[in-house]
């Protein structure tokens, strides 16, 4: 088994994005490959990292399309389980008159929620530096238990744990349960990428106080709090600061931008080769500026995986 930089566990799905609506409000939609862990890995892989995804799709057209897309992107798909019993998960993204997204899911169940621990290829975790997970795999069993056990396995192997809460309220049967699962994820992680809205949901705190609270109470070593168009606040034991988002761009689709930020930030962290808690303010500012630029460019294109810019594009924009 070749050495890997990052292995992620979680959903691989189709994002249907609204292109336009007719007079009665029915959308015309375009299909894009998606799923937060897949978007996250796509950014890492685009910049040269060796990655793999642990997940489950249906033995259907969409499942095959997604697996092929990951393979073309350079993501190792040997950990993708194909099921004859359940359908590949579908997500439908529509927009209100203000351009804000709303999500609807065909996932009752979807293949991603049916992943069991016994189906995981643990040799991929053995081979990696970093294990990454989110919370869409925590909404339902058996994927929840599979995630618990995979995280415990990765931690026992001394892997760096990366986490993105990625709250999608329509997928949870109970928001109190959602809060408990998101907090469990925080308690397991070394590096966290969380949004300002998720900080508010969990703690009722602002960005800076929320970041401090996470560091002081959950054992997290480095936290990035993304604030949409307002950029990102970062904090570890040595430094804290804010980096603005990429300006002067025409935003088309924000789907996957947070995941691409996370993958881009982790790639920069790995390239620096330092423990997250030992990084200086200047180093972290460089990491966040790179990630904000990468995510910003992705919003000028449609889709998640398909919108990740090249390393050269990011550098060129940063220099400009």
C-alpha atoms as a PDB file:
ATOM      1  CA  UNK A   1       0.000   0.000   0.000  1.00  0.00           C
ATOM      2  CA  UNK A   2       1.445   3.369  -1.024  1.00  0.00           C
ATOM      3  CA  UNK A   3       1.663   6.073   1.593  1.00  0.00           C
ATOM      4  CA  UNK A   4      -1.297   8.467   1.658  1.00  0.00           C
ATOM      5  CA  UNK A   5      -1.572  12.010   2.908  1.00  0.00           C
ATOM      6  CA  UNK A   6      -5.306  12.078   3.702  1.00  0.00           C
ATOM      7  CA  UNK A   7      -8.087   9.492   3.955  1.00  0.00           C
ATOM      8  CA  UNK A   8     -11.656  10.762   4.396  1.00  0.00           C
ATOM      9  CA  UNK A   9     -14.782   8.885   5.405  1.00  0.00           C
ATOM     10  CA  UNK A  10     -18.247   9.970   4.370  1.00  0.00           C
ATOM     11  CA  UNK A  11     -20.800  10.736   1.724  1.00  0.00           C
ATOM     12  CA  UNK A  12     -20.325  10.597  -2.018  1.00  0.00           C
ATOM     13  CA  UNK A  13     -23.425  11.921  -3.753  1.00  0.00           C
ATOM     14  CA  UNK A  14     -24.903  13.827  -6.668  1.00  0.00           C
ATOM     15  CA  UNK A  15     -25.617  17.528  -6.179  1.00  0.00           C
ATOM     16  CA  UNK A  16     -28.440  18.724  -8.407  1.00  0.00           C
ATOM     17  CA  UNK A  17     -28.099  22.494  -8.730  1.00  0.00           C
ATOM     18  CA  UNK A  18     -30.926  24.710  -9.911  1.00  0.00           C
ATOM     19  CA  UNK A  19     -30.218  26.457 -13.218  1.00  0.00           C
ATOM     20  CA  UNK A  20     -33.556  28.216 -13.596  1.00  0.00           C
ATOM     21  CA  UNK A  21     -37.206  27.867 -12.638  1.00  0.00           C
ATOM     22  CA  UNK A  22     -40.333  27.932 -14.758  1.00  0.00           C
ATOM     23  CA  UNK A  23     -43.429  30.015 -14.122  1.00  0.00           C
ATOM     24  CA  UNK A  24     -44.767  27.487 -11.608  1.00  0.00           C
ATOM     25  CA  UNK A  25     -41.503  27.333  -9.680  1.00  0.00           C
ATOM     26  CA  UNK A  26     -40.252  23.985 -10.969  1.00  0.00           C
ATOM     27  CA  UNK A  27     -36.455  23.933 -11.353  1.00  0.00           C
ATOM     28  CA  UNK A  28     -34.318  22.870 -14.268  1.00  0.00           C
ATOM     29  CA  UNK A  29     -31.348  21.203 -12.621  1.00  0.00           C
ATOM     30  CA  UNK A  30     -27.794  20.215 -13.510  1.00  0.00           C
ATOM     31  CA  UNK A  31     -26.100  17.219 -11.893  1.00  0.00           C
ATOM     32  CA  UNK A  32     -22.644  17.616 -10.310  1.00  0.00           C
ATOM     33  CA  UNK A  33     -20.510  15.161  -8.339  1.00  0.00           C
ATOM     34  CA  UNK A  34     -20.448  16.063  -4.679  1.00  0.00           C
ATOM     35  CA  UNK A  35     -20.334  15.133  -1.035  1.00  0.00           C
ATOM     36  CA  UNK A  36     -18.299  17.182   1.427  1.00  0.00           C
ATOM     37  CA  UNK A  37     -15.486  14.626   1.963  1.00  0.00           C
ATOM     38  CA  UNK A  38     -15.159  14.133  -1.795  1.00  0.00           C
ATOM     39  CA  UNK A  39     -14.950  17.891  -2.427  1.00  0.00           C
ATOM     40  CA  UNK A  40     -12.406  18.156   0.402  1.00  0.00           C
ATOM     41  CA  UNK A  41     -10.217  15.419  -1.087  1.00  0.00           C
ATOM     42  CA  UNK A  42     -10.569  16.844  -4.600  1.00  0.00           C
ATOM     43  CA  UNK A  43      -8.834  20.040  -3.492  1.00  0.00           C
ATOM     44  CA  UNK A  44      -6.034  18.141  -1.778  1.00  0.00           C
ATOM     45  CA  UNK A  45      -5.548  15.875  -4.779  1.00  0.00           C
ATOM     46  CA  UNK A  46      -5.546  18.777  -7.239  1.00  0.00           C
ATOM     47  CA  UNK A  47      -2.590  20.256  -5.360  1.00  0.00           C
ATOM     48  CA  UNK A  48      -0.631  16.988  -5.335  1.00  0.00           C
ATOM     49  CA  UNK A  49      -1.706  15.076  -2.203  1.00  0.00           C
ATOM     50  CA  UNK A  50      -2.277  11.306  -2.218  1.00  0.00           C
ATOM     51  CA  UNK A  51      -5.831  10.707  -1.002  1.00  0.00           C
ATOM     52  CA  UNK A  52      -8.513   8.034  -0.620  1.00  0.00           C
ATOM     53  CA  UNK A  53     -12.214   7.980   0.241  1.00  0.00           C
ATOM     54  CA  UNK A  54     -14.049   5.460   2.411  1.00  0.00           C
ATOM     55  CA  UNK A  55     -17.721   5.472   1.481  1.00  0.00           C
ATOM     56  CA  UNK A  56     -20.651   3.695  -0.135  1.00  0.00           C
ATOM     57  CA  UNK A  57     -22.644   4.201  -3.331  1.00  0.00           C
ATOM     58  CA  UNK A  58     -25.420   2.290  -5.027  1.00  0.00           C
ATOM     59  CA  UNK A  59     -24.886  -0.064  -7.955  1.00  0.00           C
ATOM     60  CA  UNK A  60     -26.559   2.443 -10.257  1.00  0.00           C
ATOM     61  CA  UNK A  61     -25.707   5.019 -12.902  1.00  0.00           C
ATOM     62  CA  UNK A  62     -24.955   7.769 -10.395  1.00  0.00           C
ATOM     63  CA  UNK A  63     -22.774   5.527  -8.255  1.00  0.00           C
ATOM     64  CA  UNK A  64     -20.698   4.562 -11.270  1.00  0.00           C
ATOM     65  CA  UNK A  65     -20.447   8.165 -12.444  1.00  0.00           C
ATOM     66  CA  UNK A  66     -19.220   9.294  -9.038  1.00  0.00           C
ATOM     67  CA  UNK A  67     -16.631   6.555  -8.722  1.00  0.00           C
ATOM     68  CA  UNK A  68     -15.324   7.344 -12.209  1.00  0.00           C
ATOM     69  CA  UNK A  69     -15.135  11.052 -11.339  1.00  0.00           C
ATOM     70  CA  UNK A  70     -13.060  10.332  -8.250  1.00  0.00           C
ATOM     71  CA  UNK A  71     -10.742   8.081 -10.245  1.00  0.00           C
ATOM     72  CA  UNK A  72     -10.267  10.783 -12.887  1.00  0.00           C
ATOM     73  CA  UNK A  73      -9.534  13.271 -10.100  1.00  0.00           C
ATOM     74  CA  UNK A  74      -6.788  11.009  -8.777  1.00  0.00           C
ATOM     75  CA  UNK A  75      -8.585   9.995  -5.562  1.00  0.00           C
ATOM     76  CA  UNK A  76      -8.091   6.353  -4.546  1.00  0.00           C
ATOM     77  CA  UNK A  77     -11.487   4.603  -4.792  1.00  0.00           C
ATOM     78  CA  UNK A  78     -10.515   1.168  -3.456  1.00  0.00           C
ATOM     79  CA  UNK A  79     -12.414   2.025  -0.253  1.00  0.00           C
ATOM     80  CA  UNK A  80     -15.701   2.741  -2.057  1.00  0.00           C
ATOM     81  CA  UNK A  81     -18.274   0.015  -1.401  1.00  0.00           C
ATOM     82  CA  UNK A  82     -20.909  -0.622  -4.108  1.00  0.00           C
ATOM     83  CA  UNK A  83     -24.309  -1.849  -2.903  1.00  0.00           C
ATOM     84  CA  UNK A  84     -27.085  -3.594  -4.845  1.00  0.00           C
ATOM     85  CA  UNK A  85     -29.586  -2.871  -2.066  1.00  0.00           C
ATOM     86  CA  UNK A  86     -29.652   0.929  -1.762  1.00  0.00           C
ATOM     87  CA  UNK A  87     -29.541   3.873  -4.144  1.00  0.00           C
ATOM     88  CA  UNK A  88     -26.795   6.483  -4.380  1.00  0.00           C
ATOM     89  CA  UNK A  89     -27.697   9.553  -2.321  1.00  0.00           C
ATOM     90  CA  UNK A  90     -28.992  12.594  -4.206  1.00  0.00           C
ATOM     91  CA  UNK A  91     -28.970  16.201  -2.977  1.00  0.00           C
ATOM     92  CA  UNK A  92     -31.057  18.933  -4.585  1.00  0.00           C
ATOM     93  CA  UNK A  93     -29.809  22.490  -4.139  1.00  0.00           C
ATOM     94  CA  UNK A  94     -32.235  25.317  -4.876  1.00  0.00           C
ATOM     95  CA  UNK A  95     -31.870  29.054  -4.325  1.00  0.00           C
ATOM     96  CA  UNK A  96     -34.244  31.644  -2.932  1.00  0.00           C
ATOM     97  CA  UNK A  97     -34.669  35.158  -4.310  1.00  0.00           C
ATOM     98  CA  UNK A  98     -31.644  36.303  -2.277  1.00  0.00           C
ATOM     99  CA  UNK A  99     -29.447  33.564  -3.719  1.00  0.00           C
ATOM    100  CA  UNK A 100     -29.308  31.596  -0.452  1.00  0.00           C
ATOM    101  CA  UNK A 101     -29.181  27.817  -0.771  1.00  0.00           C
ATOM    102  CA  UNK A 102     -31.790  25.316   0.394  1.00  0.00           C
ATOM    103  CA  UNK A 103     -31.143  21.570   0.463  1.00  0.00           C
ATOM    104  CA  UNK A 104     -33.457  18.621  -0.196  1.00  0.00           C
ATOM    105  CA  UNK A 105     -32.154  15.052  -0.004  1.00  0.00           C
ATOM    106  CA  UNK A 106     -33.179  11.690  -1.490  1.00  0.00           C
ATOM    107  CA  UNK A 107     -31.682   9.656   1.379  1.00  0.00           C
ATOM    108  CA  UNK A 108     -34.253   7.394   3.056  1.00  0.00           C
ATOM    109  CA  UNK A 109     -31.891   5.618   3.243  1.00  0.00           C
ATOM    110  CA  UNK A 110     -29.115   6.595   0.871  1.00  0.00           C
ATOM    111  CA  UNK A 111     -26.158   4.341   0.258  1.00  0.00           C
ATOM    112  CA  UNK A 112     -23.824   6.554   2.313  1.00  0.00           C
ATOM    113  CA  UNK A 113     -25.832   5.979   5.515  1.00  0.00           C
ATOM    114  CA  UNK A 114     -25.615   2.192   5.108  1.00  0.00           C
ATOM    115  CA  UNK A 115     -21.833   1.922   5.373  1.00  0.00           C
ATOM    116  CA  UNK A 116     -20.744  -0.524   8.097  1.00  0.00           C
ATOM    117  CA  UNK A 117     -17.432  -0.692   9.956  1.00  0.00           C
ATOM    118  CA  UNK A 118     -16.864  -4.193   8.608  1.00  0.00           C
ATOM    119  CA  UNK A 119     -16.921  -2.782   5.070  1.00  0.00           C
ATOM    120  CA  UNK A 120     -14.095  -0.306   5.755  1.00  0.00           C
ATOM    121  CA  UNK A 121     -10.667  -0.984   4.279  1.00  0.00           C
ATOM    122  CA  UNK A 122      -8.605  -0.216   7.384  1.00  0.00           C
ATOM    123  CA  UNK A 123      -5.358  -0.598   5.440  1.00  0.00           C
ATOM    124  CA  UNK A 124      -6.101   2.816   3.909  1.00  0.00           C
ATOM    125  CA  UNK A 125      -6.189   4.366   7.385  1.00  0.00           C
ATOM    126  CA  UNK A 126      -2.973   2.543   8.254  1.00  0.00           C
ATOM    127  CA  UNK A 127      -1.288   4.130   5.225  1.00  0.00           C
ATOM    128  CA  UNK A 128      -2.336   7.750   5.817  1.00  0.00           C
ATOM    129  CA  UNK A 129      -1.045  10.753   7.754  1.00  0.00           C
ATOM    130  CA  UNK A 130      -4.464  12.360   8.276  1.00  0.00           C
ATOM    131  CA  UNK A 131      -7.968  10.961   8.821  1.00  0.00           C
ATOM    132  CA  UNK A 132     -10.845  13.332   7.970  1.00  0.00           C
ATOM    133  CA  UNK A 133     -14.563  13.056   8.702  1.00  0.00           C
ATOM    134  CA  UNK A 134     -17.737  15.130   8.857  1.00  0.00           C
ATOM    135  CA  UNK A 135     -21.179  14.655  10.364  1.00  0.00           C
ATOM    136  CA  UNK A 136     -23.376  13.498   7.479  1.00  0.00           C
ATOM    137  CA  UNK A 137     -22.112  10.010   8.340  1.00  0.00           C
ATOM    138  CA  UNK A 138     -23.372  10.534  11.913  1.00  0.00           C
ATOM    139  CA  UNK A 139     -27.051  11.133  11.104  1.00  0.00           C
ATOM    140  CA  UNK A 140     -28.056   7.457  10.869  1.00  0.00           C
ATOM    141  CA  UNK A 141     -26.956   3.926  11.683  1.00  0.00           C
ATOM    142  CA  UNK A 142     -24.983   1.942  10.682  1.00  0.00           C
ATOM    143  CA  UNK A 143     -22.784   4.751   9.275  1.00  0.00           C
ATOM    144  CA  UNK A 144     -22.708   6.483  12.686  1.00  0.00           C
ATOM    145  CA  UNK A 145     -21.147   3.489  14.440  1.00  0.00           C
ATOM    146  CA  UNK A 146     -18.804   2.948  11.499  1.00  0.00           C
ATOM    147  CA  UNK A 147     -17.601   6.538  11.871  1.00  0.00           C
ATOM    148  CA  UNK A 148     -17.153   6.225  15.649  1.00  0.00           C
ATOM    149  CA  UNK A 149     -15.060   3.101  15.243  1.00  0.00           C
ATOM    150  CA  UNK A 150     -13.054   4.447  12.298  1.00  0.00           C
ATOM    151  CA  UNK A 151     -12.142   7.608  14.239  1.00  0.00           C
ATOM    152  CA  UNK A 152     -11.137   5.514  17.255  1.00  0.00           C
ATOM    153  CA  UNK A 153      -9.019   3.292  15.010  1.00  0.00           C
ATOM    154  CA  UNK A 154      -7.310   6.285  13.369  1.00  0.00           C
ATOM    155  CA  UNK A 155      -6.595   7.891  16.746  1.00  0.00           C
ATOM    156  CA  UNK A 156      -5.143   4.616  18.059  1.00  0.00           C
ATOM    157  CA  UNK A 157      -2.823   4.588  15.047  1.00  0.00           C
ATOM    158  CA  UNK A 158      -1.623   8.100  15.914  1.00  0.00           C
ATOM    159  CA  UNK A 159      -3.160   9.803  12.874  1.00  0.00           C
ATOM    160  CA  UNK A 160      -3.884  13.536  12.770  1.00  0.00           C
ATOM    161  CA  UNK A 161      -7.677  13.929  12.922  1.00  0.00           C
ATOM    162  CA  UNK A 162      -9.371  16.545  10.729  1.00  0.00           C
ATOM    163  CA  UNK A 163     -13.055  17.401  11.128  1.00  0.00           C
ATOM    164  CA  UNK A 164     -15.721  19.532   9.453  1.00  0.00           C
ATOM    165  CA  UNK A 165     -19.142  19.605  11.194  1.00  0.00           C
ATOM    166  CA  UNK A 166     -20.878  20.484   7.890  1.00  0.00           C
ATOM    167  CA  UNK A 167     -24.320  20.828   9.479  1.00  0.00           C
ATOM    168  CA  UNK A 168     -27.233  20.073   7.158  1.00  0.00           C
ATOM    169  CA  UNK A 169     -30.326  20.493   9.319  1.00  0.00           C
ATOM    170  CA  UNK A 170     -32.809  18.747   6.948  1.00  0.00           C
ATOM    171  CA  UNK A 171     -30.869  15.484   7.353  1.00  0.00           C
ATOM    172  CA  UNK A 172     -31.286  15.294  11.120  1.00  0.00           C
ATOM    173  CA  UNK A 173     -34.372  13.796  12.755  1.00  0.00           C
ATOM    174  CA  UNK A 174     -33.672  15.800  15.925  1.00  0.00           C
ATOM    175  CA  UNK A 175     -31.529  18.946  16.195  1.00  0.00           C
ATOM    176  CA  UNK A 176     -30.624  18.119  19.793  1.00  0.00           C
ATOM    177  CA  UNK A 177     -29.135  14.880  18.497  1.00  0.00           C
ATOM    178  CA  UNK A 178     -27.371  16.872  15.779  1.00  0.00           C
ATOM    179  CA  UNK A 179     -25.794  19.113  18.414  1.00  0.00           C
ATOM    180  CA  UNK A 180     -24.571  16.144  20.451  1.00  0.00           C
ATOM    181  CA  UNK A 181     -23.038  14.482  17.400  1.00  0.00           C
ATOM    182  CA  UNK A 182     -21.326  17.691  16.253  1.00  0.00           C
ATOM    183  CA  UNK A 183     -19.881  18.151  19.736  1.00  0.00           C
ATOM    184  CA  UNK A 184     -18.665  14.539  19.743  1.00  0.00           C
ATOM    185  CA  UNK A 185     -16.818  15.283  16.498  1.00  0.00           C
ATOM    186  CA  UNK A 186     -15.140  18.319  18.062  1.00  0.00           C
ATOM    187  CA  UNK A 187     -13.958  16.192  20.990  1.00  0.00           C
ATOM    188  CA  UNK A 188     -12.142  13.854  18.590  1.00  0.00           C
ATOM    189  CA  UNK A 189     -10.387  16.359  16.331  1.00  0.00           C
ATOM    190  CA  UNK A 190      -6.966  17.979  16.094  1.00  0.00           C
ATOM    191  CA  UNK A 191      -7.829  20.359  13.233  1.00  0.00           C
ATOM    192  CA  UNK A 192     -11.352  21.759  12.762  1.00  0.00           C
ATOM    193  CA  UNK A 193     -12.911  23.724   9.922  1.00  0.00           C
ATOM    194  CA  UNK A 194     -16.254  25.088  11.156  1.00  0.00           C
ATOM    195  CA  UNK A 195     -18.560  27.840   9.897  1.00  0.00           C
ATOM    196  CA  UNK A 196     -19.724  30.865  11.855  1.00  0.00           C
ATOM    197  CA  UNK A 197     -23.301  29.545  11.592  1.00  0.00           C
ATOM    198  CA  UNK A 198     -22.251  26.223  13.131  1.00  0.00           C
ATOM    199  CA  UNK A 199     -20.473  28.029  15.984  1.00  0.00           C
ATOM    200  CA  UNK A 200     -23.685  29.961  16.642  1.00  0.00           C
ATOM    201  CA  UNK A 201     -25.768  26.760  16.485  1.00  0.00           C
ATOM    202  CA  UNK A 202     -23.529  24.895  18.935  1.00  0.00           C
ATOM    203  CA  UNK A 203     -22.586  27.575  21.426  1.00  0.00           C
ATOM    204  CA  UNK A 204     -24.533  30.772  20.752  1.00  0.00           C
ATOM    205  CA  UNK A 205     -21.183  32.543  20.470  1.00  0.00           C
ATOM    206  CA  UNK A 206     -19.524  34.833  17.964  1.00  0.00           C
ATOM    207  CA  UNK A 207     -16.599  33.768  15.839  1.00  0.00           C
ATOM    208  CA  UNK A 208     -13.686  34.741  18.106  1.00  0.00           C
ATOM    209  CA  UNK A 209     -15.274  33.590  21.355  1.00  0.00           C
ATOM    210  CA  UNK A 210     -16.420  30.388  19.665  1.00  0.00           C
ATOM    211  CA  UNK A 211     -12.939  29.576  18.384  1.00  0.00           C
ATOM    212  CA  UNK A 212     -11.463  30.186  21.829  1.00  0.00           C
ATOM    213  CA  UNK A 213     -14.145  28.006  23.438  1.00  0.00           C
ATOM    214  CA  UNK A 214     -13.425  25.128  21.045  1.00  0.00           C
ATOM    215  CA  UNK A 215      -9.673  25.266  21.705  1.00  0.00           C
ATOM    216  CA  UNK A 216     -10.081  25.459  25.468  1.00  0.00           C
ATOM    217  CA  UNK A 217     -12.750  22.783  25.921  1.00  0.00           C
ATOM    218  CA  UNK A 218     -12.431  20.131  23.216  1.00  0.00           C
ATOM    219  CA  UNK A 219      -8.733  19.360  22.829  1.00  0.00           C
ATOM    220  CA  UNK A 220      -8.633  20.885  19.337  1.00  0.00           C
ATOM    221  CA  UNK A 221      -5.196  22.175  18.305  1.00  0.00           C
ATOM    222  CA  UNK A 222      -6.181  24.447  15.404  1.00  0.00           C
ATOM    223  CA  UNK A 223      -9.530  25.874  14.372  1.00  0.00           C
ATOM    224  CA  UNK A 224     -10.609  27.687  11.226  1.00  0.00           C
ATOM    225  CA  UNK A 225     -13.964  29.485  11.454  1.00  0.00           C
ATOM    226  CA  UNK A 226     -15.176  30.342   7.965  1.00  0.00           C
ATOM    227  CA  UNK A 227     -17.451  33.366   7.651  1.00  0.00           C
ATOM    228  CA  UNK A 228     -18.650  33.152   4.046  1.00  0.00           C
ATOM    229  CA  UNK A 229     -17.989  36.368   2.178  1.00  0.00           C
ATOM    230  CA  UNK A 230     -16.288  37.776   5.294  1.00  0.00           C
ATOM    231  CA  UNK A 231     -13.325  35.395   5.078  1.00  0.00           C
ATOM    232  CA  UNK A 232     -11.943  33.227   7.879  1.00  0.00           C
ATOM    233  CA  UNK A 233     -10.841  33.535  11.505  1.00  0.00           C
ATOM    234  CA  UNK A 234      -8.087  31.192  12.680  1.00  0.00           C
ATOM    235  CA  UNK A 235      -6.769  30.283  16.096  1.00  0.00           C
ATOM    236  CA  UNK A 236      -4.294  27.929  17.751  1.00  0.00           C
ATOM    237  CA  UNK A 237      -2.409  28.118  21.080  1.00  0.00           C
ATOM    238  CA  UNK A 238       0.107  30.627  19.700  1.00  0.00           C
ATOM    239  CA  UNK A 239      -1.825  32.908  17.368  1.00  0.00           C
ATOM    240  CA  UNK A 240      -5.171  34.169  16.145  1.00  0.00           C
ATOM    241  CA  UNK A 241      -6.248  36.354  13.261  1.00  0.00           C
ATOM    242  CA  UNK A 242      -8.613  37.050  10.402  1.00  0.00           C
ATOM    243  CA  UNK A 243      -8.073  36.836   6.653  1.00  0.00           C
ATOM    244  CA  UNK A 244     -10.614  38.405   4.256  1.00  0.00           C
ATOM    245  CA  UNK A 245     -12.224  36.435   1.459  1.00  0.00           C
ATOM    246  CA  UNK A 246     -11.166  36.779  -2.162  1.00  0.00           C
ATOM    247  CA  UNK A 247     -12.502  40.053  -3.562  1.00  0.00           C
ATOM    248  CA  UNK A 248     -13.386  41.235  -7.045  1.00  0.00           C
ATOM    249  CA  UNK A 249     -14.986  37.988  -8.214  1.00  0.00           C
ATOM    250  CA  UNK A 250     -18.321  37.095  -9.787  1.00  0.00           C
ATOM    251  CA  UNK A 251     -19.848  34.410  -7.562  1.00  0.00           C
ATOM    252  CA  UNK A 252     -21.810  31.795  -9.504  1.00  0.00           C
ATOM    253  CA  UNK A 253     -22.132  28.825  -7.138  1.00  0.00           C
ATOM    254  CA  UNK A 254     -20.912  28.448  -3.557  1.00  0.00           C
ATOM    255  CA  UNK A 255     -21.546  24.679  -3.442  1.00  0.00           C
ATOM    256  CA  UNK A 256     -18.504  22.956  -1.990  1.00  0.00           C
ATOM    257  CA  UNK A 257     -16.603  26.171  -1.282  1.00  0.00           C
ATOM    258  CA  UNK A 258     -16.249  25.389   2.422  1.00  0.00           C
ATOM    259  CA  UNK A 259     -14.990  21.891   1.633  1.00  0.00           C
ATOM    260  CA  UNK A 260     -12.503  23.265  -0.884  1.00  0.00           C
ATOM    261  CA  UNK A 261     -11.342  25.779   1.711  1.00  0.00           C
ATOM    262  CA  UNK A 262     -10.799  22.921   4.165  1.00  0.00           C
ATOM    263  CA  UNK A 263      -8.914  20.741   1.707  1.00  0.00           C
ATOM    264  CA  UNK A 264      -6.773  23.657   0.539  1.00  0.00           C
ATOM    265  CA  UNK A 265      -5.931  24.661   4.119  1.00  0.00           C
ATOM    266  CA  UNK A 266      -4.984  21.110   5.059  1.00  0.00           C
ATOM    267  CA  UNK A 267      -2.785  20.811   1.970  1.00  0.00           C
ATOM    268  CA  UNK A 268      -0.882  23.937   3.008  1.00  0.00           C
ATOM    269  CA  UNK A 269      -0.572  22.624   6.562  1.00  0.00           C
ATOM    270  CA  UNK A 270       0.886  19.355   5.326  1.00  0.00           C
ATOM    271  CA  UNK A 271       3.271  21.142   2.973  1.00  0.00           C
ATOM    272  CA  UNK A 272       4.667  23.146   5.902  1.00  0.00           C
ATOM    273  CA  UNK A 273       5.265  19.946   7.862  1.00  0.00           C
ATOM    274  CA  UNK A 274       4.611  21.425  11.308  1.00  0.00           C
ATOM    275  CA  UNK A 275       2.303  20.326  14.098  1.00  0.00           C
ATOM    276  CA  UNK A 276      -0.880  22.492  14.001  1.00  0.00           C
ATOM    277  CA  UNK A 277      -0.393  23.785  17.536  1.00  0.00           C
ATOM    278  CA  UNK A 278       3.168  24.998  16.796  1.00  0.00           C
ATOM    279  CA  UNK A 279       2.364  27.129  13.761  1.00  0.00           C
ATOM    280  CA  UNK A 280       2.994  30.864  13.991  1.00  0.00           C
ATOM    281  CA  UNK A 281       0.557  33.611  13.116  1.00  0.00           C
ATOM    282  CA  UNK A 282       2.425  34.375   9.886  1.00  0.00           C
ATOM    283  CA  UNK A 283       2.334  30.732   8.839  1.00  0.00           C
ATOM    284  CA  UNK A 284      -1.352  30.395   9.609  1.00  0.00           C
ATOM    285  CA  UNK A 285      -2.157  33.619   7.787  1.00  0.00           C
ATOM    286  CA  UNK A 286      -0.401  32.196   4.724  1.00  0.00           C
ATOM    287  CA  UNK A 287      -2.393  28.960   5.038  1.00  0.00           C
ATOM    288  CA  UNK A 288      -5.706  30.781   5.317  1.00  0.00           C
ATOM    289  CA  UNK A 289      -4.935  33.224   2.522  1.00  0.00           C
ATOM    290  CA  UNK A 290      -4.180  30.289   0.197  1.00  0.00           C
ATOM    291  CA  UNK A 291      -7.384  28.506   1.245  1.00  0.00           C
ATOM    292  CA  UNK A 292      -9.551  31.628   0.896  1.00  0.00           C
ATOM    293  CA  UNK A 293      -8.155  32.224  -2.575  1.00  0.00           C
ATOM    294  CA  UNK A 294      -8.751  28.625  -3.647  1.00  0.00           C
ATOM    295  CA  UNK A 295     -12.306  28.596  -2.272  1.00  0.00           C
ATOM    296  CA  UNK A 296     -13.027  32.015  -3.772  1.00  0.00           C
ATOM    297  CA  UNK A 297     -11.989  30.920  -7.258  1.00  0.00           C
ATOM    298  CA  UNK A 298     -14.177  27.805  -6.902  1.00  0.00           C
ATOM    299  CA  UNK A 299     -17.283  29.976  -6.375  1.00  0.00           C
ATOM    300  CA  UNK A 300     -16.861  31.457  -9.856  1.00  0.00           C
ATOM    301  CA  UNK A 301     -17.633  28.003 -11.312  1.00  0.00           C
ATOM    302  CA  UNK A 302     -20.441  25.487 -10.945  1.00  0.00           C
ATOM    303  CA  UNK A 303     -20.284  22.378  -8.788  1.00  0.00           C
ATOM    304  CA  UNK A 304     -17.973  21.126  -6.063  1.00  0.00           C
ATOM    305  CA  UNK A 305     -15.331  18.666  -7.282  1.00  0.00           C
ATOM    306  CA  UNK A 306     -15.417  20.192 -10.758  1.00  0.00           C
ATOM    307  CA  UNK A 307     -14.765  23.735  -9.475  1.00  0.00           C
ATOM    308  CA  UNK A 308     -11.417  23.200  -7.705  1.00  0.00           C
ATOM    309  CA  UNK A 309      -8.763  25.500  -9.226  1.00  0.00           C
ATOM    310  CA  UNK A 310      -5.234  24.422 -10.086  1.00  0.00           C
ATOM    311  CA  UNK A 311      -2.292  25.317  -7.859  1.00  0.00           C
ATOM    312  CA  UNK A 312      -1.004  27.645 -10.582  1.00  0.00           C
ATOM    313  CA  UNK A 313      -4.350  29.481 -10.697  1.00  0.00           C
ATOM    314  CA  UNK A 314      -4.310  30.019  -6.939  1.00  0.00           C
ATOM    315  CA  UNK A 315      -0.735  31.297  -6.933  1.00  0.00           C
ATOM    316  CA  UNK A 316      -1.398  33.611  -9.866  1.00  0.00           C
ATOM    317  CA  UNK A 317      -4.422  35.105  -8.117  1.00  0.00           C
ATOM    318  CA  UNK A 318      -2.494  35.518  -4.850  1.00  0.00           C
ATOM    319  CA  UNK A 319       0.311  37.310  -6.657  1.00  0.00           C
ATOM    320  CA  UNK A 320      -2.184  39.609  -8.365  1.00  0.00           C
END
